[in-house]
Amino acid sequence: MEQHAYGKSGRFERAKDRFNNQFADITARVAQRYRMPVAVLTGYSRARSVVKARYRAIYECWSATGADHYTLARFFNKDHTLIPYALKRAQEQAS
C-alpha cells in the first residue's frame, strides 16, 4: 500500500474525503435552511445567527456520520474543543 505524508495510508485519505463530502452536503442543507452561504458557516464570524447555524451544522454532521471531534473541527476550521460545546448547545436548542 502506498504511503503518504506523515505515514498515513490511502485508506485514511479516502475516509477523510468521504467525511468531507458528507459534511459538505449536510452543511449546504443547513446553510440553505438558515439562508446563508456555506462559507459563512465554516468562517470566523461570531454573530449569534451564524453561530446558531454553525452549531446546528456541526450537530447534524456528527449525528449523521459519527465522526470524531478532530475531523469535525478540521472541516469547520475550528478548534477541537469547540465541538463538544457545539453539540451540547445544538441539543439544548433542539429541545
PDB file of N, CA and C in Angstrom:
ATOM      1  N   MET A   1       0.842  -1.176   0.000  1.00  0.00           N
ATOM      2  CA  MET A   1       0.000   0.000   0.000  1.00  0.00           C
ATOM      3  C   MET A   1       0.888   1.240   0.000  1.00  0.00           C
ATOM      4  N   GLU A   2       0.491   2.211  -0.743  1.00  0.00           N
ATOM      5  CA  GLU A   2       1.263   3.438  -0.886  1.00  0.00           C
ATOM      6  C   GLU A   2       1.221   4.256   0.397  1.00  0.00           C
ATOM      7  N   GLN A   3       2.370   4.786   0.804  1.00  0.00           N
ATOM      8  CA  GLN A   3       2.453   5.618   1.992  1.00  0.00           C
ATOM      9  C   GLN A   3       2.382   7.092   1.589  1.00  0.00           C
ATOM     10  N   HIS A   4       1.634   7.858   2.344  1.00  0.00           N
ATOM     11  CA  HIS A   4       1.507   9.285   2.110  1.00  0.00           C
ATOM     12  C   HIS A   4       2.303  10.044   3.161  1.00  0.00           C
ATOM     13  N   ALA A   5       2.267  11.349   3.097  1.00  0.00           N
ATOM     14  CA  ALA A   5       2.962  12.180   4.067  1.00  0.00           C
ATOM     15  C   ALA A   5       2.531  11.793   5.478  1.00  0.00           C
ATOM     16  N   TYR A   6       3.430  11.861   6.407  1.00  0.00           N
ATOM     17  CA  TYR A   6       3.203  11.528   7.805  1.00  0.00           C
ATOM     18  C   TYR A   6       2.831  10.059   8.002  1.00  0.00           C
ATOM     19  N   GLY A   7       3.151   9.202   7.039  1.00  0.00           N
ATOM     20  CA  GLY A   7       2.927   7.778   7.187  1.00  0.00           C
ATOM     21  C   GLY A   7       1.479   7.344   7.096  1.00  0.00           C
ATOM     22  N   LYS A   8       0.602   8.186   6.618  1.00  0.00           N
ATOM     23  CA  LYS A   8      -0.813   7.830   6.521  1.00  0.00           C
ATOM     24  C   LYS A   8      -1.055   7.033   5.256  1.00  0.00           C
ATOM     25  N   SER A   9      -1.902   6.051   5.346  1.00  0.00           N
ATOM     26  CA  SER A   9      -2.198   5.216   4.186  1.00  0.00           C
ATOM     27  C   SER A   9      -3.293   5.853   3.339  1.00  0.00           C
ATOM     28  N   GLY A  10      -3.494   5.339   2.170  1.00  0.00           N
ATOM     29  CA  GLY A  10      -4.547   5.820   1.286  1.00  0.00           C
ATOM     30  C   GLY A  10      -5.925   5.614   1.881  1.00  0.00           C
ATOM     31  N   ARG A  11      -6.057   4.601   2.746  1.00  0.00           N
ATOM     32  CA  ARG A  11      -7.337   4.327   3.393  1.00  0.00           C
ATOM     33  C   ARG A  11      -7.763   5.517   4.253  1.00  0.00           C
ATOM     34  N   PHE A  12      -6.827   6.108   4.981  1.00  0.00           N
ATOM     35  CA  PHE A  12      -7.119   7.287   5.802  1.00  0.00           C
ATOM     36  C   PHE A  12      -7.575   8.445   4.920  1.00  0.00           C
ATOM     37  N   GLU A  13      -6.895   8.662   3.819  1.00  0.00           N
ATOM     38  CA  GLU A  13      -7.243   9.754   2.916  1.00  0.00           C
ATOM     39  C   GLU A  13      -8.638   9.554   2.319  1.00  0.00           C
ATOM     40  N   ARG A  14      -8.965   8.314   1.949  1.00  0.00           N
ATOM     41  CA  ARG A  14     -10.301   8.052   1.392  1.00  0.00           C
ATOM     42  C   ARG A  14     -11.386   8.300   2.429  1.00  0.00           C
ATOM     43  N   ALA A  15     -11.139   7.907   3.680  1.00  0.00           N
ATOM     44  CA  ALA A  15     -12.118   8.135   4.748  1.00  0.00           C
ATOM     45  C   ALA A  15     -12.311   9.627   4.972  1.00  0.00           C
ATOM     46  N   LYS A  16     -11.212  10.374   4.950  1.00  0.00           N
ATOM     47  CA  LYS A  16     -11.303  11.819   5.132  1.00  0.00           C
ATOM     48  C   LYS A  16     -12.112  12.448   4.001  1.00  0.00           C
ATOM     49  N   ASP A  17     -11.872  12.011   2.767  1.00  0.00           N
ATOM     50  CA  ASP A  17     -12.623  12.530   1.632  1.00  0.00           C
ATOM     51  C   ASP A  17     -14.099  12.187   1.747  1.00  0.00           C
ATOM     52  N   ARG A  18     -14.404  10.976   2.199  1.00  0.00           N
ATOM     53  CA  ARG A  18     -15.800  10.565   2.338  1.00  0.00           C
ATOM     54  C   ARG A  18     -16.506  11.443   3.362  1.00  0.00           C
ATOM     55  N   PHE A  19     -15.863  11.675   4.518  1.00  0.00           N
ATOM     56  CA  PHE A  19     -16.452  12.543   5.522  1.00  0.00           C
ATOM     57  C   PHE A  19     -16.632  13.952   4.986  1.00  0.00           C
ATOM     58  N   ASN A  20     -15.618  14.479   4.307  1.00  0.00           N
ATOM     59  CA  ASN A  20     -15.719  15.844   3.797  1.00  0.00           C
ATOM     60  C   ASN A  20     -16.861  15.981   2.805  1.00  0.00           C
ATOM     61  N   ASN A  21     -17.092  14.969   1.975  1.00  0.00           N
ATOM     62  CA  ASN A  21     -18.215  15.030   1.041  1.00  0.00           C
ATOM     63  C   ASN A  21     -19.542  15.027   1.789  1.00  0.00           C
ATOM     64  N   GLN A  22     -19.667  14.182   2.795  1.00  0.00           N
ATOM     65  CA  GLN A  22     -20.892  14.153   3.589  1.00  0.00           C
ATOM     66  C   GLN A  22     -21.062  15.453   4.359  1.00  0.00           C
ATOM     67  N   PHE A  23     -19.989  15.952   4.949  1.00  0.00           N
ATOM     68  CA  PHE A  23     -20.058  17.213   5.678  1.00  0.00           C
ATOM     69  C   PHE A  23     -20.489  18.351   4.756  1.00  0.00           C
ATOM     70  N   ALA A  24     -19.949  18.376   3.543  1.00  0.00           N
ATOM     71  CA  ALA A  24     -20.291  19.441   2.593  1.00  0.00           C
ATOM     72  C   ALA A  24     -21.774  19.391   2.241  1.00  0.00           C
ATOM     73  N   ASP A  25     -22.312  18.200   2.028  1.00  0.00           N
ATOM     74  CA  ASP A  25     -23.739  18.068   1.707  1.00  0.00           C
ATOM     75  C   ASP A  25     -24.615  18.530   2.866  1.00  0.00           C
ATOM     76  N   ILE A  26     -24.292  18.082   4.062  1.00  0.00           N
ATOM     77  CA  ILE A  26     -25.086  18.451   5.239  1.00  0.00           C
ATOM     78  C   ILE A  26     -24.982  19.942   5.505  1.00  0.00           C
ATOM     79  N   THR A  27     -23.781  20.484   5.417  1.00  0.00           N
ATOM     80  CA  THR A  27     -23.575  21.912   5.661  1.00  0.00           C
ATOM     81  C   THR A  27     -24.314  22.754   4.634  1.00  0.00           C
ATOM     82  N   ALA A  28     -24.361  22.301   3.394  1.00  0.00           N
ATOM     83  CA  ALA A  28     -25.104  23.029   2.360  1.00  0.00           C
ATOM     84  C   ALA A  28     -26.590  23.062   2.681  1.00  0.00           C
ATOM     85  N   ARG A  29     -27.130  21.953   3.167  1.00  0.00           N
ATOM     86  CA  ARG A  29     -28.556  21.927   3.540  1.00  0.00           C
ATOM     87  C   ARG A  29     -28.842  22.868   4.708  1.00  0.00           C
ATOM     88  N   VAL A  30     -27.962  22.861   5.712  1.00  0.00           N
ATOM     89  CA  VAL A  30     -28.152  23.740   6.867  1.00  0.00           C
ATOM     90  C   VAL A  30     -28.027  25.199   6.438  1.00  0.00           C
ATOM     91  N   ALA A  31     -27.046  25.500   5.604  1.00  0.00           N
ATOM     92  CA  ALA A  31     -26.864  26.871   5.121  1.00  0.00           C
ATOM     93  C   ALA A  31     -28.096  27.344   4.358  1.00  0.00           C
ATOM     94  N   GLN A  32     -28.666  26.467   3.554  1.00  0.00           N
ATOM     95  CA  GLN A  32     -29.871  26.831   2.804  1.00  0.00           C
ATOM     96  C   GLN A  32     -31.031  27.080   3.762  1.00  0.00           C
ATOM     97  N   ARG A  33     -31.152  26.232   4.785  1.00  0.00           N
ATOM     98  CA  ARG A  33     -32.234  26.384   5.765  1.00  0.00           C
ATOM     99  C   ARG A  33     -32.126  27.716   6.503  1.00  0.00           C
ATOM    100  N   TYR A  34     -30.902  28.124   6.837  1.00  0.00           N
ATOM    101  CA  TYR A  34     -30.685  29.368   7.563  1.00  0.00           C
ATOM    102  C   TYR A  34     -30.434  30.557   6.631  1.00  0.00           C
ATOM    103  N   ARG A  35     -30.516  30.325   5.343  1.00  0.00           N
ATOM    104  CA  ARG A  35     -30.356  31.369   4.306  1.00  0.00           C
ATOM    105  C   ARG A  35     -29.032  32.131   4.441  1.00  0.00           C
ATOM    106  N   MET A  36     -27.941  31.357   4.428  1.00  0.00           N
ATOM    107  CA  MET A  36     -26.610  31.967   4.440  1.00  0.00           C
ATOM    108  C   MET A  36     -25.652  31.088   3.648  1.00  0.00           C
ATOM    109  N   PRO A  37     -24.575  31.657   3.131  1.00  0.00           N
ATOM    110  CA  PRO A  37     -23.624  30.859   2.354  1.00  0.00           C
ATOM    111  C   PRO A  37     -22.857  29.870   3.240  1.00  0.00           C
ATOM    112  N   VAL A  38     -22.429  28.781   2.641  1.00  0.00           N
ATOM    113  CA  VAL A  38     -21.661  27.765   3.361  1.00  0.00           C
ATOM    114  C   VAL A  38     -20.377  28.367   3.912  1.00  0.00           C
ATOM    115  N   ALA A  39     -19.765  29.265   3.175  1.00  0.00           N
ATOM    116  CA  ALA A  39     -18.507  29.879   3.616  1.00  0.00           C
ATOM    117  C   ALA A  39     -18.666  30.594   4.950  1.00  0.00           C
ATOM    118  N   VAL A  40     -19.849  31.106   5.221  1.00  0.00           N
ATOM    119  CA  VAL A  40     -20.087  31.779   6.500  1.00  0.00           C
ATOM    120  C   VAL A  40     -20.088  30.761   7.641  1.00  0.00           C
ATOM    121  N   LEU A  41     -20.657  29.584   7.397  1.00  0.00           N
ATOM    122  CA  LEU A  41     -20.708  28.549   8.435  1.00  0.00           C
ATOM    123  C   LEU A  41     -19.317  28.036   8.796  1.00  0.00           C
ATOM    124  N   THR A  42     -18.435  27.981   7.829  1.00  0.00           N
ATOM    125  CA  THR A  42     -17.083  27.494   8.094  1.00  0.00           C
ATOM    126  C   THR A  42     -16.105  28.634   8.346  1.00  0.00           C
ATOM    127  N   GLY A  43     -16.619  29.857   8.379  1.00  0.00           N
ATOM    128  CA  GLY A  43     -15.772  31.035   8.561  1.00  0.00           C
ATOM    129  C   GLY A  43     -15.579  31.402  10.015  1.00  0.00           C
ATOM    130  N   TYR A  44     -15.228  32.662  10.250  1.00  0.00           N
ATOM    131  CA  TYR A  44     -14.830  33.113  11.574  1.00  0.00           C
ATOM    132  C   TYR A  44     -15.848  34.009  12.262  1.00  0.00           C
ATOM    133  N   SER A  45     -16.989  34.231  11.661  1.00  0.00           N
ATOM    134  CA  SER A  45     -17.990  35.114  12.244  1.00  0.00           C
ATOM    135  C   SER A  45     -18.481  34.573  13.580  1.00  0.00           C
ATOM    136  N   ARG A  46     -18.689  35.498  14.521  1.00  0.00           N
ATOM    137  CA  ARG A  46     -19.225  35.113  15.820  1.00  0.00           C
ATOM    138  C   ARG A  46     -20.606  35.702  16.046  1.00  0.00           C
ATOM    139  N   ALA A  47     -21.254  36.144  14.976  1.00  0.00           N
ATOM    140  CA  ALA A  47     -22.618  36.661  15.089  1.00  0.00           C
ATOM    141  C   ALA A  47     -23.541  35.549  15.581  1.00  0.00           C
ATOM    142  N   ARG A  48     -24.478  35.892  16.420  1.00  0.00           N
ATOM    143  CA  ARG A  48     -25.344  34.894  17.055  1.00  0.00           C
ATOM    144  C   ARG A  48     -26.054  34.002  16.052  1.00  0.00           C
ATOM    145  N   SER A  49     -26.584  34.592  14.983  1.00  0.00           N
ATOM    146  CA  SER A  49     -27.310  33.794  13.991  1.00  0.00           C
ATOM    147  C   SER A  49     -26.386  32.816  13.271  1.00  0.00           C
ATOM    148  N   VAL A  50     -25.170  33.239  13.017  1.00  0.00           N
ATOM    149  CA  VAL A  50     -24.192  32.374  12.344  1.00  0.00           C
ATOM    150  C   VAL A  50     -23.764  31.246  13.278  1.00  0.00           C
ATOM    151  N   VAL A  51     -23.502  31.574  14.527  1.00  0.00           N
ATOM    152  CA  VAL A  51     -23.073  30.568  15.491  1.00  0.00           C
ATOM    153  C   VAL A  51     -24.160  29.512  15.684  1.00  0.00           C
ATOM    154  N   LYS A  52     -25.406  29.945  15.770  1.00  0.00           N
ATOM    155  CA  LYS A  52     -26.519  29.006  15.932  1.00  0.00           C
ATOM    156  C   LYS A  52     -26.591  28.045  14.740  1.00  0.00           C
ATOM    157  N   ALA A  53     -26.463  28.569  13.541  1.00  0.00           N
ATOM    158  CA  ALA A  53     -26.485  27.735  12.338  1.00  0.00           C
ATOM    159  C   ALA A  53     -25.266  26.816  12.287  1.00  0.00           C
ATOM    160  N   ARG A  54     -24.098  27.327  12.660  1.00  0.00           N
ATOM    161  CA  ARG A  54     -22.871  26.523  12.655  1.00  0.00           C
ATOM    162  C   ARG A  54     -22.988  25.361  13.635  1.00  0.00           C
ATOM    163  N   TYR A  55     -23.486  25.636  14.831  1.00  0.00           N
ATOM    164  CA  TYR A  55     -23.658  24.575  15.822  1.00  0.00           C
ATOM    165  C   TYR A  55     -24.634  23.521  15.320  1.00  0.00           C
ATOM    166  N   ARG A  56     -25.682  23.954  14.652  1.00  0.00           N
ATOM    167  CA  ARG A  56     -26.647  23.002  14.101  1.00  0.00           C
ATOM    168  C   ARG A  56     -25.988  22.144  13.020  1.00  0.00           C
ATOM    169  N   ALA A  57     -25.173  22.754  12.182  1.00  0.00           N
ATOM    170  CA  ALA A  57     -24.474  22.009  11.136  1.00  0.00           C
ATOM    171  C   ALA A  57     -23.498  21.008  11.747  1.00  0.00           C
ATOM    172  N   ILE A  58     -22.783  21.416  12.777  1.00  0.00           N
ATOM    173  CA  ILE A  58     -21.850  20.512  13.453  1.00  0.00           C
ATOM    174  C   ILE A  58     -22.618  19.332  14.043  1.00  0.00           C
ATOM    175  N   TYR A  59     -23.745  19.617  14.690  1.00  0.00           N
ATOM    176  CA  TYR A  59     -24.550  18.556  15.288  1.00  0.00           C
ATOM    177  C   TYR A  59     -25.062  17.583  14.232  1.00  0.00           C
ATOM    178  N   GLU A  60     -25.563  18.103  13.124  1.00  0.00           N
ATOM    179  CA  GLU A  60     -26.094  17.226  12.074  1.00  0.00           C
ATOM    180  C   GLU A  60     -24.984  16.401  11.421  1.00  0.00           C
ATOM    181  N   CYS A  61     -23.812  16.995  11.226  1.00  0.00           N
ATOM    182  CA  CYS A  61     -22.679  16.237  10.675  1.00  0.00           C
ATOM    183  C   CYS A  61     -22.266  15.126  11.627  1.00  0.00           C
ATOM    184  N   TRP A  62     -22.209  15.439  12.902  1.00  0.00           N
ATOM    185  CA  TRP A  62     -21.814  14.443  13.891  1.00  0.00           C
ATOM    186  C   TRP A  62     -22.841  13.315  13.997  1.00  0.00           C
ATOM    187  N   SER A  63     -24.120  13.661  14.036  1.00  0.00           N
ATOM    188  CA  SER A  63     -25.139  12.627  14.204  1.00  0.00           C
ATOM    189  C   SER A  63     -25.270  11.754  12.953  1.00  0.00           C
ATOM    190  N   ALA A  64     -25.008  12.308  11.779  1.00  0.00           N
ATOM    191  CA  ALA A  64     -25.129  11.530  10.543  1.00  0.00           C
ATOM    192  C   ALA A  64     -23.926  10.619  10.312  1.00  0.00           C
ATOM    193  N   THR A  65     -22.742  11.051  10.752  1.00  0.00           N
ATOM    194  CA  THR A  65     -21.528  10.295  10.431  1.00  0.00           C
ATOM    195  C   THR A  65     -20.858   9.662  11.639  1.00  0.00           C
ATOM    196  N   GLY A  66     -21.073  10.229  12.816  1.00  0.00           N
ATOM    197  CA  GLY A  66     -20.365   9.737  13.990  1.00  0.00           C
ATOM    198  C   GLY A  66     -18.887  10.079  13.961  1.00  0.00           C
ATOM    199  N   ALA A  67     -18.533  11.091  13.198  1.00  0.00           N
ATOM    200  CA  ALA A  67     -17.125  11.482  13.062  1.00  0.00           C
ATOM    201  C   ALA A  67     -16.579  11.997  14.390  1.00  0.00           C
ATOM    202  N   ASP A  68     -15.279  11.875  14.573  1.00  0.00           N
ATOM    203  CA  ASP A  68     -14.654  12.344  15.802  1.00  0.00           C
ATOM    204  C   ASP A  68     -14.539  13.868  15.795  1.00  0.00           C
ATOM    205  N   HIS A  69     -14.263  14.412  16.962  1.00  0.00           N
ATOM    206  CA  HIS A  69     -14.228  15.867  17.126  1.00  0.00           C
ATOM    207  C   HIS A  69     -13.145  16.530  16.292  1.00  0.00           C
ATOM    208  N   TYR A  70     -12.016  15.867  16.129  1.00  0.00           N
ATOM    209  CA  TYR A  70     -10.918  16.457  15.364  1.00  0.00           C
ATOM    210  C   TYR A  70     -11.290  16.595  13.883  1.00  0.00           C
ATOM    211  N   THR A  71     -11.967  15.597  13.342  1.00  0.00           N
ATOM    212  CA  THR A  71     -12.366  15.643  11.937  1.00  0.00           C
ATOM    213  C   THR A  71     -13.391  16.755  11.711  1.00  0.00           C
ATOM    214  N   LEU A  72     -14.353  16.860  12.614  1.00  0.00           N
ATOM    215  CA  LEU A  72     -15.348  17.929  12.506  1.00  0.00           C
ATOM    216  C   LEU A  72     -14.687  19.302  12.633  1.00  0.00           C
ATOM    217  N   ALA A  73     -13.795  19.431  13.594  1.00  0.00           N
ATOM    218  CA  ALA A  73     -13.123  20.714  13.802  1.00  0.00           C
ATOM    219  C   ALA A  73     -12.310  21.111  12.579  1.00  0.00           C
ATOM    220  N   ARG A  74     -11.643  20.153  11.973  1.00  0.00           N
ATOM    221  CA  ARG A  74     -10.846  20.446  10.778  1.00  0.00           C
ATOM    222  C   ARG A  74     -11.736  20.941   9.654  1.00  0.00           C
ATOM    223  N   PHE A  75     -12.895  20.327   9.462  1.00  0.00           N
ATOM    224  CA  PHE A  75     -13.778  20.740   8.373  1.00  0.00           C
ATOM    225  C   PHE A  75     -14.330  22.149   8.609  1.00  0.00           C
ATOM    226  N   PHE A  76     -14.698  22.459   9.860  1.00  0.00           N
ATOM    227  CA  PHE A  76     -15.304  23.757  10.162  1.00  0.00           C
ATOM    228  C   PHE A  76     -14.279  24.828  10.517  1.00  0.00           C
ATOM    229  N   ASN A  77     -12.984  24.529  10.398  1.00  0.00           N
ATOM    230  CA  ASN A  77     -11.906  25.484  10.695  1.00  0.00           C
ATOM    231  C   ASN A  77     -11.990  26.004  12.126  1.00  0.00           C
ATOM    232  N   LYS A  78     -12.251  25.102  13.052  1.00  0.00           N
ATOM    233  CA  LYS A  78     -12.366  25.462  14.464  1.00  0.00           C
ATOM    234  C   LYS A  78     -11.440  24.591  15.290  1.00  0.00           C
ATOM    235  N   ASP A  79     -11.269  24.989  16.546  1.00  0.00           N
ATOM    236  CA  ASP A  79     -10.501  24.190  17.485  1.00  0.00           C
ATOM    237  C   ASP A  79     -11.342  22.990  17.923  1.00  0.00           C
ATOM    238  N   HIS A  80     -10.695  21.856  18.179  1.00  0.00           N
ATOM    239  CA  HIS A  80     -11.442  20.641  18.513  1.00  0.00           C
ATOM    240  C   HIS A  80     -12.216  20.770  19.819  1.00  0.00           C
ATOM    241  N   THR A  81     -11.825  21.694  20.701  1.00  0.00           N
ATOM    242  CA  THR A  81     -12.540  21.845  21.964  1.00  0.00           C
ATOM    243  C   THR A  81     -13.894  22.514  21.792  1.00  0.00           C
ATOM    244  N   LEU A  82     -14.128  23.151  20.656  1.00  0.00           N
ATOM    245  CA  LEU A  82     -15.428  23.769  20.389  1.00  0.00           C
ATOM    246  C   LEU A  82     -16.498  22.723  20.101  1.00  0.00           C
ATOM    247  N   ILE A  83     -16.126  21.589  19.563  1.00  0.00           N
ATOM    248  CA  ILE A  83     -17.094  20.610  19.076  1.00  0.00           C
ATOM    249  C   ILE A  83     -17.995  20.072  20.183  1.00  0.00           C
ATOM    250  N   PRO A  84     -17.477  19.618  21.333  1.00  0.00           N
ATOM    251  CA  PRO A  84     -18.395  19.153  22.377  1.00  0.00           C
ATOM    252  C   PRO A  84     -19.353  20.248  22.854  1.00  0.00           C
ATOM    253  N   TYR A  85     -18.848  21.472  22.938  1.00  0.00           N
ATOM    254  CA  TYR A  85     -19.705  22.595  23.328  1.00  0.00           C
ATOM    255  C   TYR A  85     -20.792  22.830  22.291  1.00  0.00           C
ATOM    256  N   ALA A  86     -20.436  22.785  21.018  1.00  0.00           N
ATOM    257  CA  ALA A  86     -21.412  22.987  19.942  1.00  0.00           C
ATOM    258  C   ALA A  86     -22.467  21.893  19.961  1.00  0.00           C
ATOM    259  N   LEU A  87     -22.055  20.658  20.197  1.00  0.00           N
ATOM    260  CA  LEU A  87     -23.016  19.553  20.253  1.00  0.00           C
ATOM    261  C   LEU A  87     -23.984  19.737  21.410  1.00  0.00           C
ATOM    262  N   LYS A  88     -23.465  20.148  22.542  1.00  0.00           N
ATOM    263  CA  LYS A  88     -24.316  20.381  23.721  1.00  0.00           C
ATOM    264  C   LYS A  88     -25.318  21.499  23.442  1.00  0.00           C
ATOM    265  N   ARG A  89     -24.837  22.599  22.905  1.00  0.00           N
ATOM    266  CA  ARG A  89     -25.719  23.743  22.632  1.00  0.00           C
ATOM    267  C   ARG A  89     -26.774  23.407  21.574  1.00  0.00           C
ATOM    268  N   ALA A  90     -26.406  22.666  20.541  1.00  0.00           N
ATOM    269  CA  ALA A  90     -27.356  22.292  19.498  1.00  0.00           C
ATOM    270  C   ALA A  90     -28.447  21.388  20.070  1.00  0.00           C
ATOM    271  N   GLN A  91     -28.064  20.467  20.960  1.00  0.00           N
ATOM    272  CA  GLN A  91     -29.049  19.602  21.586  1.00  0.00           C
ATOM    273  C   GLN A  91     -29.995  20.411  22.488  1.00  0.00           C
ATOM    274  N   GLU A  92     -29.461  21.397  23.182  1.00  0.00           N
ATOM    275  CA  GLU A  92     -30.299  22.262  24.024  1.00  0.00           C
ATOM    276  C   GLU A  92     -31.278  23.074  23.173  1.00  0.00           C
ATOM    277  N   GLN A  93     -30.807  23.573  22.036  1.00  0.00           N
ATOM    278  CA  GLN A  93     -31.669  24.368  21.159  1.00  0.00           C
ATOM    279  C   GLN A  93     -32.784  23.520  20.556  1.00  0.00           C
ATOM    280  N   ALA A  94     -32.488  22.248  20.300  1.00  0.00           N
ATOM    281  CA  ALA A  94     -33.467  21.363  19.683  1.00  0.00           C
ATOM    282  C   ALA A  94     -34.586  21.010  20.660  1.00  0.00           C
ATOM    283  N   SER A  95     -34.273  20.980  21.949  1.00  0.00           N
ATOM    284  CA  SER A  95     -35.307  20.578  22.910  1.00  0.00           C
ATOM    285  C   SER A  95     -36.049  21.735  23.510  1.00  0.00           C
TER     286      SER A  95
END
